[in-house]
């Protein structure tokens, strides 16, 4: 006799939640995503500072060349 659909669904749900084989990969993916966000944020902040420094150098060199 076939199991009712609700019972099969409940069995599959229990098996899905009990299975932990993919949890390590998911944790590493989450860590990788957080590291990527930190790198992008740091480069965004650093990029602005570096741009200002190069503008200062460029203006100083141009001013020295014009005298």
N, C-alpha and C. Protein backbone atom coordinates (compact mmCIF):
# COMPACT_ATOMS: atom_id res chain seq x y z
N UNK A 1 0.84 -1.17 0.00
CA UNK A 1 0.00 0.00 0.00
C UNK A 1 0.89 1.25 0.00
N UNK A 2 0.55 2.23 -0.80
CA UNK A 2 1.33 3.45 -0.92
C UNK A 2 1.05 4.37 0.26
N UNK A 3 2.08 5.08 0.66
CA UNK A 3 1.92 6.04 1.75
C UNK A 3 1.15 7.25 1.24
N UNK A 4 0.38 7.87 2.08
CA UNK A 4 -0.27 9.13 1.68
C UNK A 4 0.79 10.20 1.40
N UNK A 5 0.45 11.13 0.56
CA UNK A 5 1.41 12.16 0.16
C UNK A 5 1.91 12.97 1.35
N UNK A 6 1.06 13.28 2.28
CA UNK A 6 1.46 14.08 3.43
C UNK A 6 2.51 13.34 4.26
N UNK A 7 2.37 12.05 4.40
CA UNK A 7 3.35 11.27 5.15
C UNK A 7 4.69 11.24 4.41
N UNK A 8 4.65 11.06 3.09
CA UNK A 8 5.89 11.08 2.31
C UNK A 8 6.57 12.44 2.43
N UNK A 9 5.78 13.52 2.37
CA UNK A 9 6.33 14.86 2.51
C UNK A 9 6.98 15.03 3.88
N UNK A 10 6.32 14.56 4.92
CA UNK A 10 6.85 14.68 6.28
C UNK A 10 8.16 13.88 6.40
N UNK A 11 8.20 12.68 5.82
CA UNK A 11 9.43 11.87 5.85
C UNK A 11 10.58 12.58 5.14
N UNK A 12 10.28 13.13 3.99
CA UNK A 12 11.32 13.84 3.22
C UNK A 12 11.78 15.10 3.95
N UNK A 13 10.85 15.79 4.58
CA UNK A 13 11.21 17.00 5.33
C UNK A 13 12.13 16.66 6.49
N UNK A 14 11.81 15.61 7.22
CA UNK A 14 12.66 15.19 8.34
C UNK A 14 14.05 14.80 7.83
N UNK A 15 14.09 14.07 6.74
CA UNK A 15 15.38 13.65 6.18
C UNK A 15 16.20 14.86 5.72
N UNK A 16 15.52 15.85 5.11
CA UNK A 16 16.21 17.06 4.64
C UNK A 16 16.83 17.82 5.81
N UNK A 17 16.07 18.03 6.87
CA UNK A 17 16.57 18.80 8.00
C UNK A 17 17.60 18.04 8.81
N UNK A 18 17.57 16.71 8.76
CA UNK A 18 18.55 15.90 9.49
C UNK A 18 19.87 15.78 8.72
N UNK A 19 19.83 15.99 7.42
CA UNK A 19 21.04 15.86 6.59
C UNK A 19 21.92 17.08 6.77
N UNK A 20 23.17 16.86 7.14
CA UNK A 20 24.09 18.00 7.36
C UNK A 20 25.28 17.95 6.42
N UNK A 21 25.17 17.24 5.31
CA UNK A 21 26.32 17.08 4.41
C UNK A 21 26.68 18.38 3.70
N UNK A 22 25.74 19.24 3.43
CA UNK A 22 26.04 20.47 2.71
C UNK A 22 26.29 21.67 3.60
N UNK A 23 26.21 21.49 4.91
CA UNK A 23 26.34 22.65 5.80
C UNK A 23 27.74 23.25 5.78
N UNK A 24 28.77 22.45 5.65
CA UNK A 24 30.13 22.98 5.62
C UNK A 24 30.34 23.85 4.39
N UNK A 25 29.87 23.38 3.25
CA UNK A 25 30.00 24.17 2.02
C UNK A 25 29.24 25.47 2.15
N UNK A 26 28.08 25.43 2.76
CA UNK A 26 27.29 26.64 2.94
C UNK A 26 28.00 27.62 3.87
N UNK A 27 28.61 27.11 4.92
CA UNK A 27 29.34 27.98 5.84
C UNK A 27 30.53 28.64 5.14
N UNK A 28 31.26 27.87 4.34
CA UNK A 28 32.39 28.45 3.61
C UNK A 28 31.91 29.48 2.59
N UNK A 29 30.79 29.24 1.96
CA UNK A 29 30.24 30.21 1.01
C UNK A 29 29.87 31.50 1.73
N UNK A 30 29.28 31.38 2.92
CA UNK A 30 28.91 32.56 3.70
C UNK A 30 30.15 33.34 4.13
N UNK A 31 31.18 32.64 4.58
CA UNK A 31 32.43 33.30 4.97
C UNK A 31 33.05 34.00 3.77
N UNK A 32 33.05 33.33 2.61
CA UNK A 32 33.59 33.94 1.40
C UNK A 32 32.84 35.20 1.00
N UNK A 33 31.52 35.16 1.15
CA UNK A 33 30.72 36.35 0.82
C UNK A 33 31.04 37.50 1.77
N UNK A 34 31.20 37.21 3.04
CA UNK A 34 31.51 38.27 4.01
C UNK A 34 32.91 38.85 3.77
N UNK A 35 33.86 38.01 3.43
CA UNK A 35 35.20 38.50 3.11
C UNK A 35 35.16 39.38 1.87
N UNK A 36 34.38 38.98 0.87
CA UNK A 36 34.25 39.78 -0.35
C UNK A 36 33.65 41.15 -0.05
N UNK A 37 32.63 41.19 0.79
CA UNK A 37 32.02 42.47 1.16
C UNK A 37 33.04 43.35 1.88
N UNK A 38 33.83 42.77 2.76
CA UNK A 38 34.84 43.55 3.49
C UNK A 38 35.91 44.08 2.54
N UNK A 39 36.35 43.27 1.59
CA UNK A 39 37.36 43.71 0.63
C UNK A 39 36.82 44.83 -0.25
N UNK A 40 35.62 44.68 -0.75
CA UNK A 40 35.03 45.71 -1.61
C UNK A 40 34.86 47.01 -0.83
N UNK A 41 34.40 46.92 0.40
CA UNK A 41 34.26 48.13 1.23
C UNK A 41 35.59 48.80 1.50
N UNK A 42 36.60 48.00 1.81
CA UNK A 42 37.93 48.57 2.07
C UNK A 42 38.53 49.21 0.84
N UNK A 43 38.39 48.56 -0.30
CA UNK A 43 38.94 49.14 -1.53
C UNK A 43 38.20 50.41 -1.94
N UNK A 44 36.91 50.45 -1.67
CA UNK A 44 36.15 51.67 -1.98
C UNK A 44 36.65 52.84 -1.14
N UNK A 45 36.85 52.61 0.14
CA UNK A 45 37.35 53.68 1.02
C UNK A 45 38.79 54.04 0.67
N UNK A 46 39.62 53.05 0.42
CA UNK A 46 41.02 53.28 0.09
C UNK A 46 41.16 53.97 -1.26
N UNK A 47 40.32 53.61 -2.21
CA UNK A 47 40.38 54.20 -3.55
C UNK A 47 40.17 55.69 -3.52
N UNK A 48 39.27 56.16 -2.71
CA UNK A 48 39.02 57.60 -2.59
C UNK A 48 40.24 58.31 -2.03
N UNK A 49 40.86 57.74 -1.04
CA UNK A 49 42.04 58.33 -0.42
C UNK A 49 43.22 58.36 -1.39
N UNK A 50 43.42 57.28 -2.11
CA UNK A 50 44.51 57.22 -3.08
C UNK A 50 44.29 58.24 -4.19
N UNK A 51 43.07 58.39 -4.63
CA UNK A 51 42.75 59.37 -5.67
C UNK A 51 43.07 60.78 -5.20
N UNK A 52 42.74 61.10 -3.98
CA UNK A 52 43.05 62.43 -3.44
C UNK A 52 44.57 62.64 -3.36
N UNK A 53 45.30 61.62 -2.97
CA UNK A 53 46.77 61.73 -2.88
C UNK A 53 47.38 61.99 -4.25
N UNK A 54 46.92 61.26 -5.27
CA UNK A 54 47.46 61.46 -6.62
C UNK A 54 47.09 62.84 -7.16
N UNK A 55 45.91 63.33 -6.84
CA UNK A 55 45.54 64.68 -7.25
C UNK A 55 46.46 65.71 -6.61
N UNK A 56 46.80 65.52 -5.33
CA UNK A 56 47.71 66.44 -4.65
C UNK A 56 49.08 66.42 -5.32
N UNK A 57 49.59 65.22 -5.60
CA UNK A 57 50.89 65.09 -6.26
C UNK A 57 50.85 65.76 -7.63
N UNK A 58 49.80 65.50 -8.38
CA UNK A 58 49.68 66.08 -9.72
C UNK A 58 49.65 67.61 -9.67
N UNK A 59 48.89 68.15 -8.75
CA UNK A 59 48.81 69.61 -8.63
C UNK A 59 50.15 70.21 -8.19
N UNK A 60 50.84 69.54 -7.28
CA UNK A 60 52.13 70.03 -6.81
C UNK A 60 53.16 70.01 -7.93
N UNK A 61 53.20 68.92 -8.71
CA UNK A 61 54.14 68.83 -9.82
C UNK A 61 53.81 69.85 -10.88
N UNK A 62 52.56 70.04 -11.20
CA UNK A 62 52.16 71.04 -12.20
C UNK A 62 52.54 72.44 -11.74
N UNK A 63 52.33 72.72 -10.46
CA UNK A 63 52.68 74.03 -9.93
C UNK A 63 54.19 74.25 -9.99
N UNK A 64 54.98 73.23 -9.68
CA UNK A 64 56.43 73.36 -9.72
C UNK A 64 56.93 73.53 -11.16
N UNK A 65 56.29 72.90 -12.10
CA UNK A 65 56.71 73.00 -13.51
C UNK A 65 56.37 74.37 -14.10
N UNK A 66 55.35 75.03 -13.58
CA UNK A 66 54.95 76.33 -14.11
C UNK A 66 55.78 77.47 -13.57
N UNK A 67 56.56 77.24 -12.53
CA UNK A 67 57.38 78.34 -11.98
C UNK A 67 58.70 78.42 -12.65
